[in-house]
Amino acid sequence: MSGLDSLAKLESVIGRLDTGLASLQESAEHIRRFDEMIKAQLNSIKMPSFEKLLLEDRALSFVHGFNRWNDEIMEGVRKWQDQVTKTFRNLNEEITEGMKRHREAHMLVSATLPERGWYLSGHEPCTLTLKLAKSVRADDWDAVDQQVIEHLPDFKPELLKQWLAEQNVPDYCINRFFLFLNHQKAGNHEEATYVGVPLIDELAKFLYGGKSFTTKRRNRGRGDQSKPELAFKTEGSPDLKNYCNDFVQTFGCLQEDPQVDFLSDENYWNRHAIVHGMMKRPMGSKDSAKCLMAINFLVFARDENDDGAS
């Protein structure tokens, strides 16, 4: 059971417990008032002592019966309280275990998807992470590709254009962004990919204080640069959200040096090979989708992002 399922179950149980407990408490209150009413009525009756004693005996026997019923109700209340305690304890264990599974799945996915060229923004359904982790563990990469492609973003053009302008992205970059989106949506994957791959770095520089998304090779003077520049904190540049930060800790295929043996592989995706005309196959839907997911990552990865772009 996922954390969200457990929370939904918790809300349902609490609702039932509230209703049942309120009913039991109402019954107990009615019995208390009935007891007081009977005693008050007996005190007000004017009759010979013998008949009054007989009536009191019969009436109080009746009241004692109600009191026993009241005791049974209160025992029911105690049982409900025990059930509440047990239910909360079980649900807490389920939620804790669900959160642990989600965290483990996220760590696996964030470490392995960049090697395939995929980046998630955190705006995808949380259940996607569990599905992807299951496919990764099964070494079913075709399923991974299909599951990500089923969750490609659908930007709202006017809101996106307004948001980019507010982030001081220049018109020429915005125009290229929409040129890419139009080609990708129209199924012109070759055109979309060759516009989209350099656009990733271009857009990153405007959104992240001059940082490129792709990696500069290892440099003795700058230390280990074997992961995207976005992973390195720089004073004055936006921080990444915790979710997104995990995706830039791995040296993914977009950043690596070209591997000549894979230039014809439909699953191989490398910035240098694409930009410098080294790829030995046409660009397909998977290639333009990887561009789209990387760009979507950039739009939503900033910690202070107001999510106004989609």
C-alpha atoms as a PDB file:
ATOM      1  CA  MET A   1       0.000   0.000   0.000  1.00  0.00           C
ATOM      2  CA  SER A   2       1.373   3.437  -0.928  1.00  0.00           C
ATOM      3  CA  GLY A   3       1.574   6.383   1.464  1.00  0.00           C
ATOM      4  CA  LEU A   4      -1.343   8.102  -0.294  1.00  0.00           C
ATOM      5  CA  ASP A   5      -3.490   4.943  -0.060  1.00  0.00           C
ATOM      6  CA  SER A   6      -2.698   4.674   3.648  1.00  0.00           C
ATOM      7  CA  LEU A   7      -3.652   8.306   4.247  1.00  0.00           C
ATOM      8  CA  ALA A   8      -6.949   7.781   2.416  1.00  0.00           C
ATOM      9  CA  LYS A   9      -7.629   4.698   4.525  1.00  0.00           C
ATOM     10  CA  LEU A  10      -6.755   6.662   7.655  1.00  0.00           C
ATOM     11  CA  GLU A  11      -9.224   9.413   6.787  1.00  0.00           C
ATOM     12  CA  SER A  12     -11.962   6.823   6.132  1.00  0.00           C
ATOM     13  CA  VAL A  13     -11.359   5.020   9.428  1.00  0.00           C
ATOM     14  CA  ILE A  14     -11.295   8.277  11.383  1.00  0.00           C
ATOM     15  CA  GLY A  15     -14.621   9.265   9.819  1.00  0.00           C
ATOM     16  CA  ARG A  16     -16.224   5.959  10.826  1.00  0.00           C
ATOM     17  CA  LEU A  17     -14.772   6.138  14.322  1.00  0.00           C
ATOM     18  CA  ASP A  18     -15.991   9.701  14.800  1.00  0.00           C
ATOM     19  CA  THR A  19     -19.514   8.708  13.746  1.00  0.00           C
ATOM     20  CA  GLY A  20     -19.592   5.562  15.917  1.00  0.00           C
ATOM     21  CA  LEU A  21     -18.126   7.267  18.966  1.00  0.00           C
ATOM     22  CA  ALA A  22     -20.529  10.181  18.688  1.00  0.00           C
ATOM     23  CA  SER A  23     -23.448   7.738  18.542  1.00  0.00           C
ATOM     24  CA  LEU A  24     -22.245   5.863  21.624  1.00  0.00           C
ATOM     25  CA  GLN A  25     -21.693   9.074  23.568  1.00  0.00           C
ATOM     26  CA  GLU A  26     -25.138  10.326  22.605  1.00  0.00           C
ATOM     27  CA  SER A  27     -26.714   7.063  23.838  1.00  0.00           C
ATOM     28  CA  ALA A  28     -24.885   7.303  27.154  1.00  0.00           C
ATOM     29  CA  GLU A  29     -26.049  10.901  27.601  1.00  0.00           C
ATOM     30  CA  HIS A  30     -29.669   9.898  26.902  1.00  0.00           C
ATOM     31  CA  ILE A  31     -29.451   7.178  29.573  1.00  0.00           C
ATOM     32  CA  ARG A  32     -28.017   9.605  32.138  1.00  0.00           C
ATOM     33  CA  ARG A  33     -30.821  12.091  31.486  1.00  0.00           C
ATOM     34  CA  PHE A  34     -33.453   9.314  31.658  1.00  0.00           C
ATOM     35  CA  ASP A  35     -32.089   8.205  35.048  1.00  0.00           C
ATOM     36  CA  GLU A  36     -32.303  11.769  36.396  1.00  0.00           C
ATOM     37  CA  MET A  37     -35.810  12.210  34.996  1.00  0.00           C
ATOM     38  CA  ILE A  38     -37.106   8.991  36.655  1.00  0.00           C
ATOM     39  CA  LYS A  39     -35.671   9.961  40.046  1.00  0.00           C
ATOM     40  CA  ALA A  40     -37.123  13.470  39.771  1.00  0.00           C
ATOM     41  CA  GLN A  41     -40.558  12.105  38.878  1.00  0.00           C
ATOM     42  CA  LEU A  42     -40.498   9.690  41.813  1.00  0.00           C
ATOM     43  CA  ASN A  43     -39.684  12.511  44.216  1.00  0.00           C
ATOM     44  CA  SER A  44     -42.636  14.514  42.972  1.00  0.00           C
ATOM     45  CA  ILE A  45     -45.258  11.743  43.321  1.00  0.00           C
ATOM     46  CA  LYS A  46     -47.788  12.139  46.175  1.00  0.00           C
ATOM     47  CA  MET A  47     -49.217   8.749  47.293  1.00  0.00           C
ATOM     48  CA  PRO A  48     -49.317   6.430  50.346  1.00  0.00           C
ATOM     49  CA  SER A  49     -45.903   5.271  51.502  1.00  0.00           C
ATOM     50  CA  PHE A  50     -46.396   1.583  50.593  1.00  0.00           C
ATOM     51  CA  GLU A  51     -47.518   2.262  47.021  1.00  0.00           C
ATOM     52  CA  LYS A  52     -44.734   4.822  46.590  1.00  0.00           C
ATOM     53  CA  LEU A  53     -42.090   2.358  47.803  1.00  0.00           C
ATOM     54  CA  LEU A  54     -43.439  -0.269  45.412  1.00  0.00           C
ATOM     55  CA  LEU A  55     -43.350   2.186  42.503  1.00  0.00           C
ATOM     56  CA  GLU A  56     -39.843   3.311  43.439  1.00  0.00           C
ATOM     57  CA  ASP A  57     -38.666  -0.303  43.559  1.00  0.00           C
ATOM     58  CA  ARG A  58     -40.144  -1.087  40.121  1.00  0.00           C
ATOM     59  CA  ALA A  59     -38.914   2.165  38.590  1.00  0.00           C
ATOM     60  CA  LEU A  60     -35.399   1.927  40.034  1.00  0.00           C
ATOM     61  CA  SER A  61     -35.150  -1.683  38.847  1.00  0.00           C
ATOM     62  CA  PHE A  62     -35.954  -0.343  35.417  1.00  0.00           C
ATOM     63  CA  VAL A  63     -33.311   2.387  35.845  1.00  0.00           C
ATOM     64  CA  HIS A  64     -30.706  -0.156  37.012  1.00  0.00           C
ATOM     65  CA  GLY A  65     -31.369  -2.115  33.846  1.00  0.00           C
ATOM     66  CA  PHE A  66     -30.665   1.013  31.832  1.00  0.00           C
ATOM     67  CA  ASN A  67     -27.489   1.581  33.862  1.00  0.00           C
ATOM     68  CA  ARG A  68     -26.270  -1.913  33.001  1.00  0.00           C
ATOM     69  CA  TRP A  69     -26.950  -1.042  29.362  1.00  0.00           C
ATOM     70  CA  ASN A  70     -24.972   2.157  29.883  1.00  0.00           C
ATOM     71  CA  ASP A  71     -22.060   0.074  31.239  1.00  0.00           C
ATOM     72  CA  GLU A  72     -22.209  -2.069  28.115  1.00  0.00           C
ATOM     73  CA  ILE A  73     -22.146   1.055  25.965  1.00  0.00           C
ATOM     74  CA  MET A  74     -19.110   2.406  27.798  1.00  0.00           C
ATOM     75  CA  GLU A  75     -17.405  -0.946  27.338  1.00  0.00           C
ATOM     76  CA  GLY A  76     -18.161  -0.546  23.657  1.00  0.00           C
ATOM     77  CA  VAL A  77     -16.555   2.892  23.805  1.00  0.00           C
ATOM     78  CA  ARG A  78     -13.424   1.384  25.335  1.00  0.00           C
ATOM     79  CA  LYS A  79     -13.314  -1.230  22.595  1.00  0.00           C
ATOM     80  CA  TRP A  80     -13.626   1.509  19.979  1.00  0.00           C
ATOM     81  CA  GLN A  81     -10.750   3.345  21.643  1.00  0.00           C
ATOM     82  CA  ASP A  82      -8.632   0.192  21.475  1.00  0.00           C
ATOM     83  CA  GLN A  83      -9.545  -0.191  17.815  1.00  0.00           C
ATOM     84  CA  VAL A  84      -8.571   3.435  17.152  1.00  0.00           C
ATOM     85  CA  THR A  85      -5.177   2.903  18.804  1.00  0.00           C
ATOM     86  CA  LYS A  86      -4.546  -0.302  16.872  1.00  0.00           C
ATOM     87  CA  THR A  87      -5.698   1.226  13.583  1.00  0.00           C
ATOM     88  CA  PHE A  88      -3.469   4.267  13.985  1.00  0.00           C
ATOM     89  CA  ARG A  89      -0.500   2.087  14.863  1.00  0.00           C
ATOM     90  CA  ASN A  90      -1.020  -0.139  11.813  1.00  0.00           C
ATOM     91  CA  LEU A  91      -1.548   2.809   9.484  1.00  0.00           C
ATOM     92  CA  ASN A  92       1.533   4.557  10.819  1.00  0.00           C
ATOM     93  CA  GLU A  93       3.567   1.436  10.045  1.00  0.00           C
ATOM     94  CA  GLU A  94       2.063   1.247   6.546  1.00  0.00           C
ATOM     95  CA  ILE A  95       2.744   4.933   5.848  1.00  0.00           C
ATOM     96  CA  THR A  96       6.302   4.660   7.140  1.00  0.00           C
ATOM     97  CA  GLU A  97       6.938   1.594   5.015  1.00  0.00           C
ATOM     98  CA  GLY A  98       5.324   3.281   1.990  1.00  0.00           C
ATOM     99  CA  MET A  99       7.531   6.342   2.394  1.00  0.00           C
ATOM    100  CA  LYS A 100      10.588   4.098   2.641  1.00  0.00           C
ATOM    101  CA  ARG A 101       9.622   2.288  -0.586  1.00  0.00           C
ATOM    102  CA  HIS A 102       9.084   5.596  -2.387  1.00  0.00           C
ATOM    103  CA  ARG A 103      12.448   6.927  -1.216  1.00  0.00           C
ATOM    104  CA  GLU A 104      14.273   3.775  -2.288  1.00  0.00           C
ATOM    105  CA  ALA A 105      12.498   3.866  -5.660  1.00  0.00           C
ATOM    106  CA  HIS A 106      13.358   7.525  -6.147  1.00  0.00           C
ATOM    107  CA  MET A 107      17.033   6.973  -5.363  1.00  0.00           C
ATOM    108  CA  LEU A 108      17.195   4.084  -7.833  1.00  0.00           C
ATOM    109  CA  VAL A 109      15.353   5.983 -10.569  1.00  0.00           C
ATOM    110  CA  SER A 110      17.318   9.214 -10.125  1.00  0.00           C
ATOM    111  CA  ALA A 111      20.597   7.285 -10.405  1.00  0.00           C
ATOM    112  CA  THR A 112      19.696   5.149 -13.418  1.00  0.00           C
ATOM    113  CA  LEU A 113      17.407   7.222 -15.668  1.00  0.00           C
ATOM    114  CA  PRO A 114      20.048   9.846 -16.588  1.00  0.00           C
ATOM    115  CA  GLU A 115      22.189   7.003 -17.929  1.00  0.00           C
ATOM    116  CA  ARG A 116      19.330   6.396 -20.350  1.00  0.00           C
ATOM    117  CA  GLY A 117      18.901  10.102 -21.081  1.00  0.00           C
ATOM    118  CA  TRP A 118      15.758  10.664 -19.001  1.00  0.00           C
ATOM    119  CA  TYR A 119      15.151  13.342 -16.361  1.00  0.00           C
ATOM    120  CA  LEU A 120      12.025  13.728 -14.218  1.00  0.00           C
ATOM    121  CA  SER A 121      10.855  17.082 -12.889  1.00  0.00           C
ATOM    122  CA  GLY A 122       8.819  15.884  -9.910  1.00  0.00           C
ATOM    123  CA  HIS A 123       5.565  16.994 -11.545  1.00  0.00           C
ATOM    124  CA  GLU A 124       4.869  13.491 -12.773  1.00  0.00           C
ATOM    125  CA  PRO A 125       2.506  11.263 -10.717  1.00  0.00           C
ATOM    126  CA  CYS A 126       4.254   9.836  -7.654  1.00  0.00           C
ATOM    127  CA  THR A 127       3.168   6.339  -8.700  1.00  0.00           C
ATOM    128  CA  LEU A 128       5.376   6.655 -11.803  1.00  0.00           C
ATOM    129  CA  THR A 129       8.502   6.381  -9.641  1.00  0.00           C
ATOM    130  CA  LEU A 130       7.381   3.019  -8.250  1.00  0.00           C
ATOM    131  CA  LYS A 131       6.567   1.722 -11.746  1.00  0.00           C
ATOM    132  CA  LEU A 132       9.908   2.889 -13.122  1.00  0.00           C
ATOM    133  CA  ALA A 133      11.825   1.366 -10.208  1.00  0.00           C
ATOM    134  CA  LYS A 134      10.093  -1.966 -10.799  1.00  0.00           C
ATOM    135  CA  SER A 135      11.056  -1.883 -14.496  1.00  0.00           C
ATOM    136  CA  VAL A 136      14.641  -0.873 -13.688  1.00  0.00           C
ATOM    137  CA  ARG A 137      15.006  -3.774 -11.249  1.00  0.00           C
ATOM    138  CA  ALA A 138      13.659  -6.101 -13.948  1.00  0.00           C
ATOM    139  CA  ASP A 139      16.169  -4.615 -16.433  1.00  0.00           C
ATOM    140  CA  ASP A 140      13.199  -3.829 -18.711  1.00  0.00           C
ATOM    141  CA  TRP A 141      14.392  -0.593 -20.299  1.00  0.00           C
ATOM    142  CA  ASP A 142      11.812  -0.648 -23.066  1.00  0.00           C
ATOM    143  CA  ALA A 143       9.161  -0.455 -20.345  1.00  0.00           C
ATOM    144  CA  VAL A 144      11.067   2.423 -18.712  1.00  0.00           C
ATOM    145  CA  ASP A 145      11.059   4.357 -21.995  1.00  0.00           C
ATOM    146  CA  GLN A 146       7.361   3.727 -22.568  1.00  0.00           C
ATOM    147  CA  GLN A 147       6.389   4.689 -19.016  1.00  0.00           C
ATOM    148  CA  VAL A 148       8.250   8.008 -19.229  1.00  0.00           C
ATOM    149  CA  ILE A 149       6.879   8.801 -22.708  1.00  0.00           C
ATOM    150  CA  GLU A 150       3.344   8.317 -21.356  1.00  0.00           C
ATOM    151  CA  HIS A 151       3.975  11.267 -19.008  1.00  0.00           C
ATOM    152  CA  LEU A 152       5.433  13.884 -21.327  1.00  0.00           C
ATOM    153  CA  PRO A 153       4.547  17.442 -20.244  1.00  0.00           C
ATOM    154  CA  ASP A 154       1.919  19.488 -22.017  1.00  0.00           C
ATOM    155  CA  PHE A 155       2.892  23.134 -21.622  1.00  0.00           C
ATOM    156  CA  LYS A 156       0.351  25.958 -21.734  1.00  0.00           C
ATOM    157  CA  PRO A 157       1.961  28.228 -24.369  1.00  0.00           C
ATOM    158  CA  GLU A 158       0.819  31.635 -23.126  1.00  0.00           C
ATOM    159  CA  LEU A 159       1.646  30.947 -19.479  1.00  0.00           C
ATOM    160  CA  LEU A 160       4.971  29.433 -20.466  1.00  0.00           C
ATOM    161  CA  LYS A 161       5.914  32.388 -22.667  1.00  0.00           C
ATOM    162  CA  GLN A 162       4.966  34.841 -19.910  1.00  0.00           C
ATOM    163  CA  TRP A 163       6.960  32.918 -17.302  1.00  0.00           C
ATOM    164  CA  LEU A 164      10.077  32.705 -19.489  1.00  0.00           C
ATOM    165  CA  ALA A 165       9.929  36.453 -20.120  1.00  0.00           C
ATOM    166  CA  GLU A 166       9.638  37.077 -16.363  1.00  0.00           C
ATOM    167  CA  GLN A 167      12.830  35.009 -15.909  1.00  0.00           C
ATOM    168  CA  ASN A 168      14.618  37.349 -18.347  1.00  0.00           C
ATOM    169  CA  VAL A 169      14.944  34.693 -21.036  1.00  0.00           C
ATOM    170  CA  PRO A 170      15.473  36.681 -24.284  1.00  0.00           C
ATOM    171  CA  ASP A 171      13.013  36.527 -27.172  1.00  0.00           C
ATOM    172  CA  TYR A 172      15.368  34.644 -29.474  1.00  0.00           C
ATOM    173  CA  CYS A 173      15.704  31.835 -26.933  1.00  0.00           C
ATOM    174  CA  ILE A 174      11.940  31.771 -26.299  1.00  0.00           C
ATOM    175  CA  ASN A 175      11.353  31.575 -30.053  1.00  0.00           C
ATOM    176  CA  ARG A 176      13.721  28.609 -30.323  1.00  0.00           C
ATOM    177  CA  PHE A 177      11.966  27.001 -27.375  1.00  0.00           C
ATOM    178  CA  PHE A 178       8.611  27.204 -29.168  1.00  0.00           C
ATOM    179  CA  LEU A 179      10.180  26.102 -32.448  1.00  0.00           C
ATOM    180  CA  PHE A 180      11.321  22.977 -30.646  1.00  0.00           C
ATOM    181  CA  LEU A 181       7.901  22.435 -29.013  1.00  0.00           C
ATOM    182  CA  ASN A 182       6.102  22.833 -32.353  1.00  0.00           C
ATOM    183  CA  HIS A 183       8.389  20.336 -34.098  1.00  0.00           C
ATOM    184  CA  GLN A 184       8.115  17.880 -31.234  1.00  0.00           C
ATOM    185  CA  LYS A 185       4.327  18.089 -31.163  1.00  0.00           C
ATOM    186  CA  ALA A 186       4.115  17.742 -34.959  1.00  0.00           C
ATOM    187  CA  GLY A 187       6.232  14.599 -34.919  1.00  0.00           C
ATOM    188  CA  ASN A 188       9.209  16.216 -36.670  1.00  0.00           C
ATOM    189  CA  HIS A 189      11.624  14.406 -34.389  1.00  0.00           C
ATOM    190  CA  GLU A 190      14.784  15.010 -36.401  1.00  0.00           C
ATOM    191  CA  GLU A 191      14.176  18.761 -36.424  1.00  0.00           C
ATOM    192  CA  ALA A 192      13.018  18.812 -32.798  1.00  0.00           C
ATOM    193  CA  THR A 193      16.103  16.951 -31.581  1.00  0.00           C
ATOM    194  CA  TYR A 194      18.623  19.090 -33.427  1.00  0.00           C
ATOM    195  CA  VAL A 195      16.951  22.252 -32.127  1.00  0.00           C
ATOM    196  CA  GLY A 196      16.309  20.840 -28.667  1.00  0.00           C
ATOM    197  CA  VAL A 197      19.712  19.451 -27.682  1.00  0.00           C
ATOM    198  CA  PRO A 198      21.638  22.779 -27.805  1.00  0.00           C
ATOM    199  CA  LEU A 199      18.554  24.518 -26.421  1.00  0.00           C
ATOM    200  CA  ILE A 200      18.985  22.576 -23.153  1.00  0.00           C
ATOM    201  CA  ASP A 201      22.245  24.366 -22.335  1.00  0.00           C
ATOM    202  CA  GLU A 202      21.044  27.679 -23.761  1.00  0.00           C
ATOM    203  CA  LEU A 203      17.965  27.694 -21.574  1.00  0.00           C
ATOM    204  CA  ALA A 204      19.871  26.484 -18.505  1.00  0.00           C
ATOM    205  CA  LYS A 205      22.265  29.439 -18.690  1.00  0.00           C
ATOM    206  CA  PHE A 206      19.395  31.929 -18.488  1.00  0.00           C
ATOM    207  CA  LEU A 207      17.506  30.086 -15.741  1.00  0.00           C
ATOM    208  CA  TYR A 208      20.484  29.073 -13.585  1.00  0.00           C
ATOM    209  CA  GLY A 209      22.854  32.006 -13.447  1.00  0.00           C
ATOM    210  CA  GLY A 210      25.053  31.089 -16.413  1.00  0.00           C
ATOM    211  CA  LYS A 211      25.355  27.385 -15.649  1.00  0.00           C
ATOM    212  CA  SER A 212      25.223  24.826 -18.448  1.00  0.00           C
ATOM    213  CA  PHE A 213      23.259  21.643 -17.974  1.00  0.00           C
ATOM    214  CA  THR A 214      25.798  19.433 -19.725  1.00  0.00           C
ATOM    215  CA  THR A 215      29.112  18.724 -18.089  1.00  0.00           C
ATOM    216  CA  LYS A 216      32.429  20.336 -18.684  1.00  0.00           C
ATOM    217  CA  ARG A 217      35.095  17.630 -18.804  1.00  0.00           C
ATOM    218  CA  ARG A 218      37.223  17.046 -15.733  1.00  0.00           C
ATOM    219  CA  ASN A 219      39.555  19.993 -15.181  1.00  0.00           C
ATOM    220  CA  ARG A 220      42.511  19.923 -12.810  1.00  0.00           C
ATOM    221  CA  GLY A 221      42.033  23.550 -11.861  1.00  0.00           C
ATOM    222  CA  ARG A 222      38.320  23.193 -11.098  1.00  0.00           C
ATOM    223  CA  GLY A 223      38.168  19.778  -9.539  1.00  0.00           C
ATOM    224  CA  ASP A 224      35.911  16.935 -10.572  1.00  0.00           C
ATOM    225  CA  GLN A 225      33.379  18.159 -13.146  1.00  0.00           C
ATOM    226  CA  SER A 226      31.941  14.729 -13.896  1.00  0.00           C
ATOM    227  CA  LYS A 227      28.329  15.743 -13.352  1.00  0.00           C
ATOM    228  CA  PRO A 228      26.127  18.556 -14.708  1.00  0.00           C
ATOM    229  CA  GLU A 229      27.056  22.081 -13.711  1.00  0.00           C
ATOM    230  CA  LEU A 230      23.612  22.433 -12.157  1.00  0.00           C
ATOM    231  CA  ALA A 231      24.763  20.023  -9.450  1.00  0.00           C
ATOM    232  CA  PHE A 232      27.407  22.481  -8.249  1.00  0.00           C
ATOM    233  CA  LYS A 233      26.198  25.263  -5.985  1.00  0.00           C
ATOM    234  CA  THR A 234      27.313  28.729  -6.986  1.00  0.00           C
ATOM    235  CA  GLU A 235      26.679  31.868  -4.975  1.00  0.00           C
ATOM    236  CA  GLY A 236      23.782  33.808  -6.462  1.00  0.00           C
ATOM    237  CA  SER A 237      22.474  30.992  -8.641  1.00  0.00           C
ATOM    238  CA  PRO A 238      19.192  29.188  -7.898  1.00  0.00           C
ATOM    239  CA  ASP A 239      19.294  26.018  -5.835  1.00  0.00           C
ATOM    240  CA  LEU A 240      17.658  22.871  -7.142  1.00  0.00           C
ATOM    241  CA  LYS A 241      14.723  21.254  -5.397  1.00  0.00           C
ATOM    242  CA  ASN A 242      15.735  18.213  -3.360  1.00  0.00           C
ATOM    243  CA  TYR A 243      13.846  15.894  -5.717  1.00  0.00           C
ATOM    244  CA  CYS A 244      15.557  17.312  -8.804  1.00  0.00           C
ATOM    245  CA  ASN A 245      18.986  17.568  -7.212  1.00  0.00           C
ATOM    246  CA  ASP A 246      19.238  13.767  -7.056  1.00  0.00           C
ATOM    247  CA  PHE A 247      18.941  13.561 -10.860  1.00  0.00           C
ATOM    248  CA  VAL A 248      22.094  15.605 -11.471  1.00  0.00           C
ATOM    249  CA  GLN A 249      24.379  13.616  -9.184  1.00  0.00           C
ATOM    250  CA  THR A 250      24.854  10.913 -11.834  1.00  0.00           C
ATOM    251  CA  PHE A 251      27.033  11.243 -14.899  1.00  0.00           C
ATOM    252  CA  GLY A 252      24.352  10.592 -17.528  1.00  0.00           C
ATOM    253  CA  CYS A 253      24.707   9.727 -21.201  1.00  0.00           C
ATOM    254  CA  LEU A 254      23.850  13.316 -22.199  1.00  0.00           C
ATOM    255  CA  GLN A 255      27.027  14.518 -20.494  1.00  0.00           C
ATOM    256  CA  GLU A 256      29.477  11.724 -21.275  1.00  0.00           C
ATOM    257  CA  ASP A 257      32.089  11.677 -24.020  1.00  0.00           C
ATOM    258  CA  PRO A 258      30.790  10.054 -27.231  1.00  0.00           C
ATOM    259  CA  GLN A 259      31.008   6.274 -27.366  1.00  0.00           C
ATOM    260  CA  VAL A 260      31.742   5.356 -30.964  1.00  0.00           C
ATOM    261  CA  ASP A 261      30.343   1.833 -30.649  1.00  0.00           C
ATOM    262  CA  PHE A 262      26.887   3.183 -29.759  1.00  0.00           C
ATOM    263  CA  LEU A 263      26.409   5.878 -32.436  1.00  0.00           C
ATOM    264  CA  SER A 264      23.948   3.659 -34.336  1.00  0.00           C
ATOM    265  CA  ASP A 265      22.057   2.495 -31.218  1.00  0.00           C
ATOM    266  CA  GLU A 266      18.516   3.894 -31.094  1.00  0.00           C
ATOM    267  CA  ASN A 267      18.768   4.200 -27.307  1.00  0.00           C
ATOM    268  CA  TYR A 268      22.028   6.149 -27.270  1.00  0.00           C
ATOM    269  CA  TRP A 269      21.685   9.888 -26.672  1.00  0.00           C
ATOM    270  CA  ASN A 270      24.739  12.077 -26.391  1.00  0.00           C
ATOM    271  CA  ARG A 271      24.951  15.837 -26.714  1.00  0.00           C
ATOM    272  CA  HIS A 272      28.385  15.990 -28.341  1.00  0.00           C
ATOM    273  CA  ALA A 273      27.550  13.275 -30.865  1.00  0.00           C
ATOM    274  CA  ILE A 274      24.275  14.935 -31.871  1.00  0.00           C
ATOM    275  CA  VAL A 275      25.543  18.530 -32.036  1.00  0.00           C
ATOM    276  CA  HIS A 276      28.694  17.569 -33.960  1.00  0.00           C
ATOM    277  CA  GLY A 277      26.960  15.334 -36.482  1.00  0.00           C
ATOM    278  CA  MET A 278      28.406  12.041 -35.280  1.00  0.00           C
ATOM    279  CA  MET A 279      25.168  10.064 -34.926  1.00  0.00           C
ATOM    280  CA  LYS A 280      24.745   7.300 -37.514  1.00  0.00           C
ATOM    281  CA  ARG A 281      20.957   7.038 -37.380  1.00  0.00           C
ATOM    282  CA  PRO A 282      17.959   9.330 -37.789  1.00  0.00           C
ATOM    283  CA  MET A 283      16.526  10.985 -34.704  1.00  0.00           C
ATOM    284  CA  GLY A 284      13.229   9.476 -33.542  1.00  0.00           C
ATOM    285  CA  SER A 285      10.401  10.101 -31.089  1.00  0.00           C
ATOM    286  CA  LYS A 286      12.458   8.885 -28.153  1.00  0.00           C
ATOM    287  CA  ASP A 287      15.190  11.448 -28.916  1.00  0.00           C
ATOM    288  CA  SER A 288      12.862  14.444 -29.056  1.00  0.00           C
ATOM    289  CA  ALA A 289      11.058  13.162 -25.944  1.00  0.00           C
ATOM    290  CA  LYS A 290      14.352  13.120 -24.039  1.00  0.00           C
ATOM    291  CA  CYS A 291      14.934  16.732 -25.066  1.00  0.00           C
ATOM    292  CA  LEU A 292      11.460  17.629 -23.863  1.00  0.00           C
ATOM    293  CA  MET A 293      11.926  15.926 -20.488  1.00  0.00           C
ATOM    294  CA  ALA A 294      15.319  17.586 -19.948  1.00  0.00           C
ATOM    295  CA  ILE A 295      13.854  21.007 -20.746  1.00  0.00           C
ATOM    296  CA  ASN A 296      10.852  20.304 -18.524  1.00  0.00           C
ATOM    297  CA  PHE A 297      13.325  19.401 -15.777  1.00  0.00           C
ATOM    298  CA  LEU A 298      14.995  22.814 -16.163  1.00  0.00           C
ATOM    299  CA  VAL A 299      11.687  24.664 -15.984  1.00  0.00           C
ATOM    300  CA  PHE A 300      10.589  23.027 -12.732  1.00  0.00           C
ATOM    301  CA  ALA A 301      13.857  22.171 -10.963  1.00  0.00           C
ATOM    302  CA  ARG A 302      14.452  25.605  -9.414  1.00  0.00           C
ATOM    303  CA  ASP A 303      13.700  25.671  -5.709  1.00  0.00           C
ATOM    304  CA  GLU A 304      11.972  29.057  -5.852  1.00  0.00           C
ATOM    305  CA  ASN A 305       9.943  28.203  -8.972  1.00  0.00           C
ATOM    306  CA  ASP A 306       6.290  29.287  -8.704  1.00  0.00           C
ATOM    307  CA  ASP A 307       5.162  26.528 -11.077  1.00  0.00           C
ATOM    308  CA  GLY A 308       3.424  29.050 -13.309  1.00  0.00           C
ATOM    309  CA  ALA A 309       4.560  27.514 -16.561  1.00  0.00           C
ATOM    310  CA  SER A 310       2.132  24.669 -16.870  1.00  0.00           C
END
